Amino acid sequence: FSAMFAGSFLDYPTEEGGTLGENSLLMEVDASIRGKMFSNKYWVSPYVQLGVGMSKFKGYWGAYIPVGVGMQLNLFDEAFLLINSQYRVPVIENTTNYHFFYSIGLAGIIGKKK
């Protein structure tokens, strides 16, 4: 399971090929299931991902389906570096566009290791 919150300032593109004409904050949140090829014991583990997400830009709300692939790199059994590429398919097409999303993240245990 993976959850993500992202924000960026941009001029949102429209379906007609133009933009809305003003930079503003785009917020996105999604939850996904990841299917890894190997366990956490391996240094490298590729994965596929599928989930649901929602976005807000100005007064516009949207929904999308993130579909992607990625790679988990084990950093000395203490943390993981996650490299991810998603294609976001809109559920509500008049407020969300088809687009790619790339991310790099760090994951690890918060608190004492068991």
N, C-alpha and C. Protein backbone atom coordinates (compact mmCIF):
# COMPACT_ATOMS: atom_id res chain seq x y z
N PHE A 1 0.83 -1.19 0.00
CA PHE A 1 0.00 0.00 0.00
C PHE A 1 0.87 1.24 0.00
N SER A 2 0.45 2.25 -0.74
CA SER A 2 1.19 3.51 -0.81
C SER A 2 0.20 4.66 -0.86
N ALA A 3 0.51 5.73 -0.13
CA ALA A 3 -0.30 6.95 -0.17
C ALA A 3 0.62 8.12 -0.49
N MET A 4 0.11 9.10 -1.23
CA MET A 4 0.93 10.22 -1.65
C MET A 4 0.12 11.51 -1.65
N PHE A 5 0.75 12.59 -1.21
CA PHE A 5 0.18 13.93 -1.29
C PHE A 5 1.19 14.80 -2.03
N ALA A 6 0.75 15.51 -3.06
CA ALA A 6 1.66 16.35 -3.84
C ALA A 6 1.01 17.69 -4.12
N GLY A 7 1.85 18.69 -4.27
CA GLY A 7 1.39 20.02 -4.62
C GLY A 7 2.35 20.66 -5.60
N SER A 8 1.83 21.43 -6.53
CA SER A 8 2.66 22.15 -7.50
C SER A 8 1.92 23.41 -7.95
N PHE A 9 2.70 24.42 -8.33
CA PHE A 9 2.13 25.64 -8.87
C PHE A 9 2.26 25.58 -10.39
N LEU A 10 1.12 25.72 -11.09
CA LEU A 10 1.13 25.63 -12.55
C LEU A 10 -0.06 26.34 -13.15
N ASP A 11 0.02 26.52 -14.45
CA ASP A 11 -1.10 27.03 -15.23
C ASP A 11 -1.73 25.82 -15.89
N TYR A 12 -2.87 25.35 -15.39
CA TYR A 12 -3.46 24.07 -15.78
C TYR A 12 -3.90 24.08 -17.23
N PRO A 13 -3.50 23.06 -18.02
CA PRO A 13 -3.90 22.98 -19.43
C PRO A 13 -5.36 22.54 -19.58
N THR A 14 -6.01 23.02 -20.64
CA THR A 14 -7.39 22.62 -20.93
C THR A 14 -7.40 21.61 -22.07
N GLU A 15 -8.54 20.98 -22.29
CA GLU A 15 -8.68 19.99 -23.38
C GLU A 15 -8.52 20.62 -24.75
N GLU A 16 -8.83 21.92 -24.88
CA GLU A 16 -8.74 22.61 -26.17
C GLU A 16 -7.31 22.96 -26.54
N GLY A 17 -6.34 22.71 -25.67
CA GLY A 17 -4.95 23.00 -25.97
C GLY A 17 -4.43 24.28 -25.35
N GLY A 18 -5.29 25.05 -24.72
CA GLY A 18 -4.88 26.28 -24.05
C GLY A 18 -4.63 26.04 -22.56
N THR A 19 -4.64 27.11 -21.81
CA THR A 19 -4.50 27.01 -20.35
C THR A 19 -5.58 27.87 -19.71
N LEU A 20 -5.72 27.76 -18.40
CA LEU A 20 -6.68 28.57 -17.68
C LEU A 20 -6.20 30.01 -17.51
N GLY A 21 -4.90 30.27 -17.77
CA GLY A 21 -4.40 31.64 -17.80
C GLY A 21 -3.88 32.19 -16.50
N GLU A 22 -3.73 31.35 -15.48
CA GLU A 22 -3.24 31.86 -14.19
C GLU A 22 -2.56 30.75 -13.42
N ASN A 23 -1.36 31.01 -12.89
CA ASN A 23 -0.69 30.03 -12.04
C ASN A 23 -1.40 29.93 -10.71
N SER A 24 -1.61 28.71 -10.26
CA SER A 24 -2.27 28.47 -8.98
C SER A 24 -1.80 27.12 -8.45
N LEU A 25 -2.19 26.80 -7.22
CA LEU A 25 -1.77 25.56 -6.58
C LEU A 25 -2.64 24.38 -7.01
N LEU A 26 -2.00 23.34 -7.53
CA LEU A 26 -2.66 22.06 -7.82
C LEU A 26 -2.30 21.11 -6.70
N MET A 27 -3.30 20.57 -6.00
CA MET A 27 -3.07 19.58 -4.95
C MET A 27 -3.61 18.24 -5.41
N GLU A 28 -2.84 17.18 -5.17
CA GLU A 28 -3.25 15.83 -5.54
C GLU A 28 -2.98 14.88 -4.38
N VAL A 29 -3.89 13.95 -4.19
CA VAL A 29 -3.72 12.91 -3.18
C VAL A 29 -4.18 11.59 -3.79
N ASP A 30 -3.42 10.52 -3.54
CA ASP A 30 -3.85 9.22 -4.06
C ASP A 30 -3.43 8.10 -3.13
N ALA A 31 -4.09 6.97 -3.30
CA ALA A 31 -3.79 5.74 -2.57
C ALA A 31 -3.66 4.63 -3.60
N SER A 32 -2.61 3.81 -3.47
CA SER A 32 -2.34 2.78 -4.47
C SER A 32 -1.91 1.47 -3.83
N ILE A 33 -2.11 0.42 -4.58
CA ILE A 33 -1.59 -0.90 -4.22
C ILE A 33 -0.40 -1.16 -5.14
N ARG A 34 0.70 -1.64 -4.55
CA ARG A 34 1.89 -1.95 -5.34
C ARG A 34 2.15 -3.45 -5.29
N GLY A 35 2.41 -4.02 -6.45
CA GLY A 35 2.77 -5.43 -6.54
C GLY A 35 4.26 -5.53 -6.85
N LYS A 36 5.06 -5.91 -5.84
CA LYS A 36 6.51 -5.99 -6.02
C LYS A 36 6.90 -7.35 -6.58
N MET A 37 7.98 -7.36 -7.34
CA MET A 37 8.49 -8.59 -7.92
C MET A 37 9.24 -9.43 -6.89
N PHE A 38 9.96 -8.76 -5.95
CA PHE A 38 10.75 -9.46 -4.94
C PHE A 38 10.41 -8.91 -3.55
N SER A 39 10.87 -9.60 -2.50
CA SER A 39 10.64 -9.13 -1.14
C SER A 39 11.59 -7.99 -0.80
N ASN A 40 11.44 -7.42 0.40
CA ASN A 40 12.29 -6.32 0.85
C ASN A 40 13.73 -6.74 1.11
N LYS A 41 14.04 -8.03 1.11
CA LYS A 41 15.39 -8.51 1.36
C LYS A 41 16.34 -8.23 0.19
N TYR A 42 15.80 -8.04 -1.00
CA TYR A 42 16.61 -7.80 -2.19
C TYR A 42 16.97 -6.32 -2.32
N TRP A 43 18.13 -6.04 -2.93
CA TRP A 43 18.57 -4.65 -3.11
C TRP A 43 17.66 -3.89 -4.07
N VAL A 44 17.18 -4.57 -5.11
CA VAL A 44 16.34 -3.93 -6.12
C VAL A 44 15.07 -4.75 -6.29
N SER A 45 13.93 -4.08 -6.30
CA SER A 45 12.66 -4.76 -6.50
C SER A 45 11.75 -3.90 -7.38
N PRO A 46 11.56 -4.28 -8.66
CA PRO A 46 10.61 -3.56 -9.52
C PRO A 46 9.18 -3.83 -9.07
N TYR A 47 8.27 -2.89 -9.39
CA TYR A 47 6.87 -3.07 -9.01
C TYR A 47 5.94 -2.43 -10.03
N VAL A 48 4.68 -2.84 -9.98
CA VAL A 48 3.60 -2.21 -10.73
C VAL A 48 2.64 -1.60 -9.71
N GLN A 49 1.87 -0.61 -10.14
CA GLN A 49 1.04 0.14 -9.21
C GLN A 49 -0.30 0.49 -9.84
N LEU A 50 -1.37 0.45 -9.03
CA LEU A 50 -2.71 0.82 -9.47
C LEU A 50 -3.44 1.43 -8.28
N GLY A 51 -4.15 2.53 -8.50
CA GLY A 51 -4.82 3.16 -7.37
C GLY A 51 -5.95 4.09 -7.78
N VAL A 52 -6.32 4.97 -6.85
CA VAL A 52 -7.34 5.99 -7.05
C VAL A 52 -6.80 7.30 -6.49
N GLY A 53 -7.20 8.41 -7.10
CA GLY A 53 -6.72 9.70 -6.62
C GLY A 53 -7.70 10.81 -6.90
N MET A 54 -7.47 11.94 -6.23
CA MET A 54 -8.28 13.12 -6.46
C MET A 54 -7.39 14.35 -6.46
N SER A 55 -7.85 15.40 -7.14
CA SER A 55 -7.09 16.62 -7.27
C SER A 55 -7.99 17.83 -7.07
N LYS A 56 -7.34 18.96 -6.72
CA LYS A 56 -8.06 20.23 -6.60
C LYS A 56 -7.19 21.32 -7.20
N PHE A 57 -7.75 22.06 -8.13
CA PHE A 57 -7.09 23.21 -8.73
C PHE A 57 -8.09 24.35 -8.73
N LYS A 58 -7.77 25.39 -7.98
CA LYS A 58 -8.69 26.51 -7.77
C LYS A 58 -10.00 25.94 -7.21
N GLY A 59 -11.13 26.13 -7.86
CA GLY A 59 -12.39 25.59 -7.40
C GLY A 59 -12.79 24.28 -8.06
N TYR A 60 -11.88 23.70 -8.87
CA TYR A 60 -12.19 22.50 -9.65
C TYR A 60 -11.68 21.25 -8.93
N TRP A 61 -12.56 20.28 -8.74
CA TRP A 61 -12.19 18.99 -8.17
C TRP A 61 -12.14 17.95 -9.29
N GLY A 62 -11.20 17.03 -9.21
CA GLY A 62 -11.09 15.98 -10.22
C GLY A 62 -10.76 14.65 -9.59
N ALA A 63 -10.95 13.60 -10.35
CA ALA A 63 -10.61 12.24 -9.90
C ALA A 63 -9.83 11.56 -11.02
N TYR A 64 -8.89 10.69 -10.63
CA TYR A 64 -8.06 10.01 -11.62
C TYR A 64 -7.65 8.64 -11.11
N ILE A 65 -7.15 7.82 -12.02
CA ILE A 65 -6.64 6.49 -11.70
C ILE A 65 -5.14 6.48 -12.03
N PRO A 66 -4.27 6.39 -11.01
CA PRO A 66 -2.85 6.30 -11.28
C PRO A 66 -2.44 4.86 -11.62
N VAL A 67 -1.83 4.69 -12.78
CA VAL A 67 -1.33 3.39 -13.22
C VAL A 67 0.16 3.56 -13.47
N GLY A 68 1.00 2.72 -12.87
CA GLY A 68 2.42 2.97 -13.05
C GLY A 68 3.33 1.80 -12.78
N VAL A 69 4.61 2.09 -12.95
CA VAL A 69 5.69 1.16 -12.67
C VAL A 69 6.74 1.90 -11.86
N GLY A 70 7.54 1.13 -11.14
CA GLY A 70 8.59 1.76 -10.36
C GLY A 70 9.62 0.76 -9.90
N MET A 71 10.55 1.29 -9.11
CA MET A 71 11.63 0.47 -8.60
C MET A 71 11.91 0.86 -7.15
N GLN A 72 12.03 -0.15 -6.29
CA GLN A 72 12.36 0.07 -4.89
C GLN A 72 13.81 -0.35 -4.66
N LEU A 73 14.64 0.54 -4.14
CA LEU A 73 16.03 0.24 -3.86
C LEU A 73 16.23 0.16 -2.34
N ASN A 74 16.74 -0.97 -1.86
CA ASN A 74 16.98 -1.19 -0.44
C ASN A 74 18.27 -0.49 -0.03
N LEU A 75 18.19 0.42 0.96
CA LEU A 75 19.35 1.16 1.43
C LEU A 75 19.79 0.60 2.78
N PHE A 76 20.62 -0.45 2.75
CA PHE A 76 21.24 -1.04 3.94
C PHE A 76 20.21 -1.54 4.98
N ASP A 77 19.07 -2.03 4.52
CA ASP A 77 17.98 -2.54 5.37
C ASP A 77 17.46 -1.50 6.37
N GLU A 78 17.68 -0.22 6.09
CA GLU A 78 17.22 0.86 6.97
C GLU A 78 16.13 1.71 6.32
N ALA A 79 16.21 1.87 5.00
CA ALA A 79 15.27 2.71 4.27
C ALA A 79 15.19 2.22 2.83
N PHE A 80 14.25 2.78 2.08
CA PHE A 80 14.07 2.43 0.68
C PHE A 80 13.96 3.69 -0.16
N LEU A 81 14.64 3.69 -1.30
CA LEU A 81 14.50 4.75 -2.29
C LEU A 81 13.50 4.25 -3.32
N LEU A 82 12.45 5.03 -3.58
CA LEU A 82 11.38 4.65 -4.51
C LEU A 82 11.42 5.57 -5.73
N ILE A 83 11.56 4.98 -6.90
CA ILE A 83 11.55 5.71 -8.16
C ILE A 83 10.30 5.26 -8.91
N ASN A 84 9.44 6.22 -9.28
CA ASN A 84 8.11 5.88 -9.75
C ASN A 84 7.72 6.68 -10.99
N SER A 85 7.01 6.03 -11.91
CA SER A 85 6.45 6.68 -13.09
C SER A 85 4.99 6.26 -13.21
N GLN A 86 4.10 7.23 -13.31
CA GLN A 86 2.66 6.94 -13.40
C GLN A 86 2.06 7.61 -14.63
N TYR A 87 1.01 6.98 -15.15
CA TYR A 87 0.15 7.61 -16.13
C TYR A 87 -1.18 7.80 -15.43
N ARG A 88 -1.67 9.01 -15.37
CA ARG A 88 -2.90 9.31 -14.63
C ARG A 88 -4.07 9.45 -15.61
N VAL A 89 -5.01 8.53 -15.46
CA VAL A 89 -6.17 8.47 -16.35
C VAL A 89 -7.33 9.18 -15.65
N PRO A 90 -7.91 10.22 -16.27
CA PRO A 90 -8.99 10.95 -15.61
C PRO A 90 -10.28 10.14 -15.52
N VAL A 91 -10.95 10.28 -14.39
CA VAL A 91 -12.29 9.72 -14.21
C VAL A 91 -13.31 10.80 -14.57
N ILE A 92 -13.02 12.04 -14.18
CA ILE A 92 -13.85 13.20 -14.51
C ILE A 92 -13.06 13.99 -15.55
N GLU A 93 -13.36 13.81 -16.82
CA GLU A 93 -12.53 14.36 -17.89
C GLU A 93 -12.65 15.87 -18.06
N ASN A 94 -13.72 16.50 -17.62
CA ASN A 94 -13.82 17.95 -17.82
C ASN A 94 -13.04 18.74 -16.77
N THR A 95 -12.54 18.09 -15.69
CA THR A 95 -11.73 18.80 -14.70
C THR A 95 -10.35 18.17 -14.50
N THR A 96 -10.06 17.07 -15.16
CA THR A 96 -8.77 16.39 -15.03
C THR A 96 -8.29 15.95 -16.41
N ASN A 97 -6.99 16.11 -16.66
CA ASN A 97 -6.41 15.72 -17.94
C ASN A 97 -5.59 14.43 -17.81
N TYR A 98 -5.41 13.73 -18.92
CA TYR A 98 -4.46 12.63 -18.99
C TYR A 98 -3.07 13.23 -18.83
N HIS A 99 -2.24 12.65 -17.95
CA HIS A 99 -0.89 13.16 -17.81
C HIS A 99 0.03 12.15 -17.13
N PHE A 100 1.34 12.36 -17.32
CA PHE A 100 2.35 11.55 -16.66
C PHE A 100 2.75 12.23 -15.35
N PHE A 101 3.17 11.42 -14.38
CA PHE A 101 3.64 11.91 -13.08
C PHE A 101 4.86 11.10 -12.70
N TYR A 102 5.96 11.76 -12.42
CA TYR A 102 7.20 11.09 -12.03
C TYR A 102 7.55 11.51 -10.61
N SER A 103 8.04 10.57 -9.81
CA SER A 103 8.41 10.92 -8.44
C SER A 103 9.58 10.08 -7.95
N ILE A 104 10.28 10.65 -6.98
CA ILE A 104 11.34 9.97 -6.25
C ILE A 104 11.02 10.17 -4.78
N GLY A 105 11.03 9.09 -4.01
CA GLY A 105 10.67 9.19 -2.60
C GLY A 105 11.57 8.35 -1.72
N LEU A 106 11.47 8.59 -0.42
CA LEU A 106 12.24 7.86 0.57
C LEU A 106 11.26 7.29 1.57
N ALA A 107 11.39 6.00 1.87
CA ALA A 107 10.50 5.33 2.83
C ALA A 107 11.34 4.61 3.87
N GLY A 108 10.83 4.57 5.10
CA GLY A 108 11.55 3.89 6.16
C GLY A 108 10.66 3.74 7.38
N ILE A 109 11.22 3.16 8.42
CA ILE A 109 10.49 2.92 9.66
C ILE A 109 10.59 4.16 10.53
N ILE A 110 9.45 4.59 11.04
CA ILE A 110 9.41 5.71 11.98
C ILE A 110 9.30 5.10 13.39
N GLY A 111 10.23 5.40 14.24
CA GLY A 111 10.24 4.84 15.60
C GLY A 111 11.31 3.78 15.72
N LYS A 112 11.20 2.97 16.77
CA LYS A 112 12.19 1.93 17.02
C LYS A 112 11.98 0.73 16.12
N LYS A 113 13.07 0.18 15.64
CA LYS A 113 13.01 -1.00 14.78
C LYS A 113 12.71 -2.23 15.64
N LYS A 114 11.76 -3.05 15.19
CA LYS A 114 11.38 -4.24 15.96
C LYS A 114 12.31 -5.39 15.66
